[in-house]
N, C-alpha and C. Protein backbone atom coordinates (compact mmCIF):
# COMPACT_ATOMS: atom_id res chain seq x y z
N UNK A 1 74.53 77.88 53.95
CA UNK A 1 75.78 76.66 54.14
C UNK A 1 76.85 77.54 54.59
N UNK A 2 77.36 78.20 53.51
CA UNK A 2 78.60 78.90 53.80
C UNK A 2 78.69 79.80 55.30
N UNK A 3 77.90 80.20 55.73
CA UNK A 3 77.83 80.66 56.50
C UNK A 3 78.03 80.13 57.81
N UNK A 4 77.07 78.96 58.20
CA UNK A 4 77.53 77.52 58.73
C UNK A 4 78.55 77.00 59.24
N UNK A 5 79.44 76.99 57.99
CA UNK A 5 80.79 76.70 58.15
C UNK A 5 82.02 77.95 58.30
N UNK A 6 81.45 78.83 58.11
CA UNK A 6 82.41 79.84 58.71
C UNK A 6 81.99 80.21 60.03
N UNK A 7 80.69 79.81 60.53
CA UNK A 7 80.71 80.00 61.97
C UNK A 7 81.58 78.93 62.87
N UNK A 8 81.53 77.28 61.97
CA UNK A 8 82.25 76.61 62.76
C UNK A 8 83.70 76.70 63.61
N UNK A 9 84.36 77.79 61.94
CA UNK A 9 85.95 78.16 62.86
C UNK A 9 85.63 79.29 63.33
N UNK A 10 84.99 80.04 63.96
CA UNK A 10 84.96 81.27 64.52
C UNK A 10 85.79 81.05 65.76
N UNK A 11 86.24 82.12 66.14
CA UNK A 11 87.28 82.40 67.08
C UNK A 11 86.36 81.27 68.19
N UNK A 12 85.33 81.49 68.67
CA UNK A 12 85.07 81.17 69.90
C UNK A 12 84.91 79.11 69.87
N UNK A 13 84.16 79.18 68.99
CA UNK A 13 84.00 77.84 68.44
C UNK A 13 85.36 76.82 68.57
N UNK A 14 86.50 77.23 67.60
CA UNK A 14 87.83 76.39 67.84
C UNK A 14 88.15 75.99 68.74
N UNK A 15 88.19 77.25 69.98
CA UNK A 15 88.90 77.24 70.96
C UNK A 15 87.89 76.24 71.66
N UNK A 16 86.91 76.53 71.59
CA UNK A 16 86.10 75.40 72.07
C UNK A 16 86.32 73.69 72.13
N UNK A 17 86.58 73.48 70.29
CA UNK A 17 86.78 72.40 70.17
C UNK A 17 87.93 72.00 70.35
N UNK A 18 89.15 72.69 70.33
CA UNK A 18 90.45 72.71 70.59
C UNK A 18 90.33 72.29 71.96
N UNK A 19 89.46 72.66 73.32
CA UNK A 19 89.76 72.45 74.42
C UNK A 19 89.26 71.14 74.68
N UNK A 20 88.52 70.82 73.80
CA UNK A 20 87.50 68.86 74.07
C UNK A 20 88.47 68.35 73.24
N UNK A 21 89.23 68.41 71.84
CA UNK A 21 90.52 67.38 71.59
C UNK A 21 91.54 67.46 72.43
N UNK A 22 91.81 68.40 73.18
CA UNK A 22 93.00 68.29 74.04
C UNK A 22 92.71 67.24 75.39
N UNK A 23 91.28 67.59 75.85
CA UNK A 23 91.23 66.90 76.49
C UNK A 23 90.70 65.43 76.76
N UNK A 24 90.67 65.47 75.27
CA UNK A 24 90.34 63.53 74.92
C UNK A 24 91.68 63.32 74.84
N UNK A 25 93.26 63.97 74.29
CA UNK A 25 94.15 63.16 73.80
C UNK A 25 94.46 62.90 75.56
N UNK A 26 94.81 63.91 76.58
CA UNK A 26 95.20 64.07 77.82
C UNK A 26 94.22 62.53 78.34
N UNK A 27 93.11 62.57 78.34
CA UNK A 27 92.32 61.21 78.82
C UNK A 27 92.95 59.78 78.08
N UNK A 28 92.98 59.83 76.69
CA UNK A 28 93.71 58.85 76.52
C UNK A 28 94.69 58.32 76.67
N UNK A 29 95.79 59.03 77.15
CA UNK A 29 97.01 59.08 77.30
C UNK A 29 97.42 58.54 78.51
N UNK A 30 96.44 59.16 79.66
CA UNK A 30 96.15 58.85 81.27
C UNK A 30 95.68 57.53 81.19
N UNK A 31 94.82 56.92 80.45
CA UNK A 31 94.26 55.64 80.60
C UNK A 31 94.93 54.47 79.98
N UNK A 32 95.89 55.06 78.91
CA UNK A 32 96.85 53.86 78.17
C UNK A 32 97.95 53.78 79.35
N UNK A 33 98.88 54.79 79.80
CA UNK A 33 99.95 55.03 80.98
C UNK A 33 99.45 53.91 82.09
N UNK A 34 98.13 54.19 82.47
CA UNK A 34 97.74 53.38 83.93
C UNK A 34 97.61 52.12 83.53
N UNK A 35 97.10 51.46 81.84
CA UNK A 35 97.09 50.16 81.95
C UNK A 35 98.23 49.95 81.78
N UNK A 36 99.25 50.47 81.57
CA UNK A 36 100.58 50.04 80.98
C UNK A 36 101.33 49.28 82.34
N UNK A 37 100.94 50.64 83.37
CA UNK A 37 101.41 50.51 84.75
C UNK A 37 100.33 49.30 85.22
N UNK A 38 99.67 49.13 85.54
CA UNK A 38 99.40 48.18 86.09
C UNK A 38 99.34 46.54 85.44
N UNK A 39 99.84 46.82 83.94
CA UNK A 39 100.56 45.27 83.57
C UNK A 39 102.06 45.28 83.93
N UNK A 40 102.39 46.44 83.80
CA UNK A 40 103.57 45.81 84.01
C UNK A 40 104.29 46.32 85.48
N UNK A 41 103.49 44.81 86.96
CA UNK A 41 104.39 45.47 87.91
C UNK A 41 105.06 43.87 88.26
N UNK A 42 106.02 44.21 88.98
CA UNK A 42 106.39 45.14 89.80
C UNK A 42 107.36 46.55 88.73
N UNK A 43 107.25 47.63 88.90
CA UNK A 43 107.69 48.82 87.71
C UNK A 43 108.70 48.89 88.28
N UNK A 44 110.11 48.62 88.06
CA UNK A 44 111.25 49.48 88.72
C UNK A 44 112.06 50.34 87.69
N UNK A 45 113.04 50.86 88.12
CA UNK A 45 113.75 51.69 87.32
C UNK A 45 114.01 51.54 85.90
N UNK A 46 114.50 50.01 86.14
CA UNK A 46 115.17 49.42 84.40
C UNK A 46 114.05 49.22 83.38
N UNK A 47 112.82 49.09 84.12
CA UNK A 47 111.58 48.60 83.13
C UNK A 47 110.93 50.60 83.11
N UNK A 48 110.81 51.44 83.64
CA UNK A 48 110.79 52.31 83.78
C UNK A 48 111.41 53.25 82.67
N UNK A 49 113.04 52.99 82.88
CA UNK A 49 113.82 53.86 81.75
C UNK A 49 113.50 52.96 80.49
N UNK A 50 113.47 51.73 80.93
CA UNK A 50 113.08 51.26 78.79
C UNK A 50 111.93 51.75 78.00
N UNK A 51 110.99 52.09 79.51
CA UNK A 51 109.58 52.32 78.36
C UNK A 51 109.90 53.74 77.93
N UNK A 52 110.35 54.64 78.36
CA UNK A 52 111.02 56.25 78.28
C UNK A 52 111.88 56.24 77.18
N UNK A 53 112.58 54.73 77.05
CA UNK A 53 113.90 55.07 75.27
C UNK A 53 112.62 54.67 73.91
N UNK A 54 111.02 54.26 73.98
CA UNK A 54 110.24 54.13 73.12
C UNK A 54 110.37 55.27 72.75
N UNK A 55 110.48 55.75 71.59
CA UNK A 55 110.14 56.66 70.70
C UNK A 55 108.39 56.86 70.37
N UNK A 56 107.70 55.66 70.39
CA UNK A 56 106.33 56.06 70.70
C UNK A 56 105.67 56.59 71.98
N UNK A 57 106.45 56.35 73.09
CA UNK A 57 106.25 56.66 74.39
C UNK A 57 106.89 58.05 74.25
N UNK A 58 107.71 58.54 73.66
CA UNK A 58 108.45 59.67 74.16
C UNK A 58 107.25 60.50 72.91
N UNK A 59 107.15 60.28 71.63
CA UNK A 59 106.05 61.10 71.19
C UNK A 59 104.68 61.27 71.68
N UNK A 60 104.37 60.07 72.33
CA UNK A 60 103.05 60.28 73.33
C UNK A 60 102.81 60.88 74.39
N UNK A 61 104.23 60.80 75.24
CA UNK A 61 103.97 62.08 76.36
C UNK A 61 104.04 63.00 75.59
N UNK A 62 105.09 63.66 74.40
CA UNK A 62 104.86 64.89 74.07
C UNK A 62 103.55 65.53 73.86
N UNK A 63 103.08 64.42 72.83
CA UNK A 63 101.69 64.73 72.47
C UNK A 63 100.13 65.36 73.99
N UNK A 64 100.69 64.47 75.22
CA UNK A 64 99.85 64.71 76.33
C UNK A 64 100.44 66.36 76.78
N UNK A 65 101.87 66.86 76.67
CA UNK A 65 102.30 67.83 77.16
C UNK A 65 101.67 68.71 76.92
N UNK A 66 102.08 68.90 75.38
CA UNK A 66 101.43 69.84 74.20
C UNK A 66 100.09 69.90 74.39
N UNK A 67 99.16 69.20 74.63
CA UNK A 67 97.41 69.00 74.98
C UNK A 67 97.79 69.64 76.30
N UNK A 68 97.66 69.34 77.50
CA UNK A 68 97.76 69.78 78.71
C UNK A 68 98.03 71.38 78.30
N UNK A 69 99.73 71.60 77.50
CA UNK A 69 99.71 73.21 77.90
C UNK A 69 98.80 74.42 76.83
N UNK A 70 98.20 73.31 75.48
CA UNK A 70 97.47 74.32 75.07
C UNK A 70 96.27 74.22 76.42
N UNK A 71 95.23 73.35 76.53
CA UNK A 71 94.76 73.42 77.12
C UNK A 71 94.45 74.34 78.34
N UNK A 72 95.52 74.63 79.46
CA UNK A 72 96.37 75.95 80.37
C UNK A 72 95.98 77.20 79.58
N UNK A 73 96.70 76.88 78.07
CA UNK A 73 96.51 78.90 77.56
C UNK A 73 95.01 79.17 77.14
N UNK A 74 94.03 78.13 76.96
CA UNK A 74 93.11 78.59 76.75
C UNK A 74 92.14 78.49 78.09
N UNK A 75 92.38 77.97 79.21
CA UNK A 75 91.58 78.36 80.42
C UNK A 75 92.40 79.36 81.11
N UNK A 76 93.38 80.25 80.60
CA UNK A 76 94.00 81.17 81.14
C UNK A 76 93.32 82.30 80.33
N UNK A 77 93.74 82.13 78.95
CA UNK A 77 92.59 83.02 78.50
C UNK A 77 91.34 83.78 78.75
N UNK A 78 90.94 82.56 78.79
CA UNK A 78 89.40 82.56 79.42
C UNK A 78 88.84 83.51 80.32
N UNK A 79 90.01 82.94 81.67
CA UNK A 79 89.56 83.33 83.58
C UNK A 79 89.96 85.13 82.90
N UNK A 80 91.21 85.25 82.41
CA UNK A 80 91.83 86.50 82.08
C UNK A 80 90.80 87.80 81.58
N UNK A 81 90.40 86.91 80.68
CA UNK A 81 89.31 87.72 79.83
C UNK A 81 87.94 87.99 80.53
N UNK A 82 87.60 86.50 81.55
CA UNK A 82 86.58 86.84 82.29
C UNK A 82 86.58 87.62 83.98
N UNK A 83 87.65 88.08 84.51
CA UNK A 83 87.90 88.68 85.38
C UNK A 83 89.30 89.44 86.08
N UNK A 84 89.67 89.96 84.75
CA UNK A 84 90.31 91.12 84.87
C UNK A 84 90.23 92.15 83.36
N UNK A 85 89.76 93.41 84.13
CA UNK A 85 89.24 93.71 83.30
C UNK A 85 89.99 94.64 82.60
N UNK A 86 91.27 95.27 83.74
CA UNK A 86 91.91 96.42 82.92
C UNK A 86 93.21 95.77 81.30
N UNK A 87 92.88 96.17 80.67
CA UNK A 87 93.37 95.80 79.63
C UNK A 87 95.09 95.73 80.02
N UNK A 88 95.48 96.47 80.34
CA UNK A 88 96.97 96.03 79.96
C UNK A 88 97.62 95.51 81.26
N UNK A 89 96.73 95.40 81.88
CA UNK A 89 97.05 94.33 83.58
C UNK A 89 97.24 92.60 82.60
N UNK A 90 95.65 92.62 81.69
CA UNK A 90 95.38 91.66 81.74
C UNK A 90 96.59 90.84 80.08
N UNK A 91 97.17 91.70 79.58
CA UNK A 91 98.04 91.83 78.69
C UNK A 91 99.05 91.51 79.32
N UNK A 92 99.82 92.07 79.93
CA UNK A 92 101.12 91.98 80.92
C UNK A 92 100.67 90.20 81.45
N UNK A 93 99.53 89.92 82.51
CA UNK A 93 99.42 88.37 82.56
C UNK A 93 99.48 87.17 81.41
N UNK A 94 98.36 88.02 80.61
CA UNK A 94 98.76 86.80 79.28
C UNK A 94 100.06 86.75 78.74
N UNK A 95 100.89 87.90 78.83
CA UNK A 95 102.43 87.60 78.11
C UNK A 95 103.11 86.39 78.58
N UNK A 96 102.81 87.12 80.59
CA UNK A 96 103.78 86.21 81.19
C UNK A 96 103.18 84.76 81.50
N UNK A 97 102.05 84.48 81.14
CA UNK A 97 101.41 82.71 81.49
C UNK A 97 102.09 82.90 80.11
N UNK A 98 101.84 82.77 78.62
CA UNK A 98 102.37 82.36 77.52
C UNK A 98 104.08 82.31 77.39
N UNK A 99 104.65 82.52 78.19
CA UNK A 99 106.23 82.35 78.39
C UNK A 99 106.24 81.62 79.45
N UNK A 100 105.93 81.22 80.53
CA UNK A 100 105.95 80.12 81.48
C UNK A 100 105.46 78.98 80.69
N UNK A 101 104.47 78.82 80.12
CA UNK A 101 103.67 77.56 79.28
C UNK A 101 104.69 77.03 78.33
N UNK A 102 105.25 78.35 77.49
CA UNK A 102 106.33 77.92 76.55
C UNK A 102 107.63 77.69 76.44
N UNK A 103 108.20 78.15 78.53
CA UNK A 103 109.32 77.32 78.70
C UNK A 103 108.88 76.09 79.35
N UNK A 104 107.63 75.88 79.94
CA UNK A 104 107.72 74.56 80.53
C UNK A 104 107.56 73.25 79.26
N UNK A 105 106.94 73.55 78.03
CA UNK A 105 107.27 72.81 76.89
C UNK A 105 108.49 72.68 76.45
N UNK A 106 109.02 73.78 76.48
CA UNK A 106 110.67 73.23 76.15
C UNK A 106 111.36 72.38 76.89
N UNK A 107 111.11 72.73 77.93
CA UNK A 107 111.56 71.68 79.16
C UNK A 107 110.92 70.35 79.01
N UNK A 108 109.81 70.02 78.68
CA UNK A 108 109.19 68.86 78.31
C UNK A 108 110.14 68.26 77.26
N UNK A 109 110.31 68.89 76.05
CA UNK A 109 111.12 68.27 75.37
C UNK A 109 112.42 68.00 75.71
N UNK A 110 113.15 68.79 76.42
CA UNK A 110 114.28 68.59 77.04
C UNK A 110 114.34 66.84 78.13
N UNK A 111 113.80 67.17 78.77
CA UNK A 111 113.36 66.06 79.43
C UNK A 111 112.64 64.90 78.34
N UNK A 112 112.30 65.06 77.85
CA UNK A 112 111.53 63.49 77.40
C UNK A 112 112.95 63.24 75.85
N UNK A 113 113.43 63.96 74.98
CA UNK A 113 114.32 63.84 73.97
C UNK A 113 116.43 64.01 74.81
N UNK A 114 115.87 64.81 75.36
CA UNK A 114 117.62 65.21 76.20
C UNK A 114 118.32 65.95 75.49
N UNK A 115 117.39 66.76 74.89
CA UNK A 115 117.93 67.97 73.66
C UNK A 115 118.10 69.27 75.00
N UNK A 116 119.01 70.00 74.45
CA UNK A 116 119.42 71.26 74.95
C UNK A 116 117.88 72.48 74.35
N UNK A 117 117.02 73.05 74.96
CA UNK A 117 116.32 73.52 74.16
C UNK A 117 116.77 75.05 74.63
């Protein structure tokens, strides 16, 4: 029993689960956003601006971006571990990808809340 619980939270299993959870979050956001866009025709700049003034939309949008970045991070790690055999090069590429994804996450915060990151 304990062994099976420990196996559930092993490195590979938690990445697999996180990949699926982030995919579900992104799918739900895209579907909800599509419904909002379809129901709000015609969609003018004023409505668009008003939509993103809502705190719930900002939080949902950031959850989408955070899920996208985590999903990409796991994917990049998998691709690098599968195709880049040199440990030093893999470490440099992993670090570079991490910095790029971190900058994109901070940029999304700045865009959504207008704060300097």
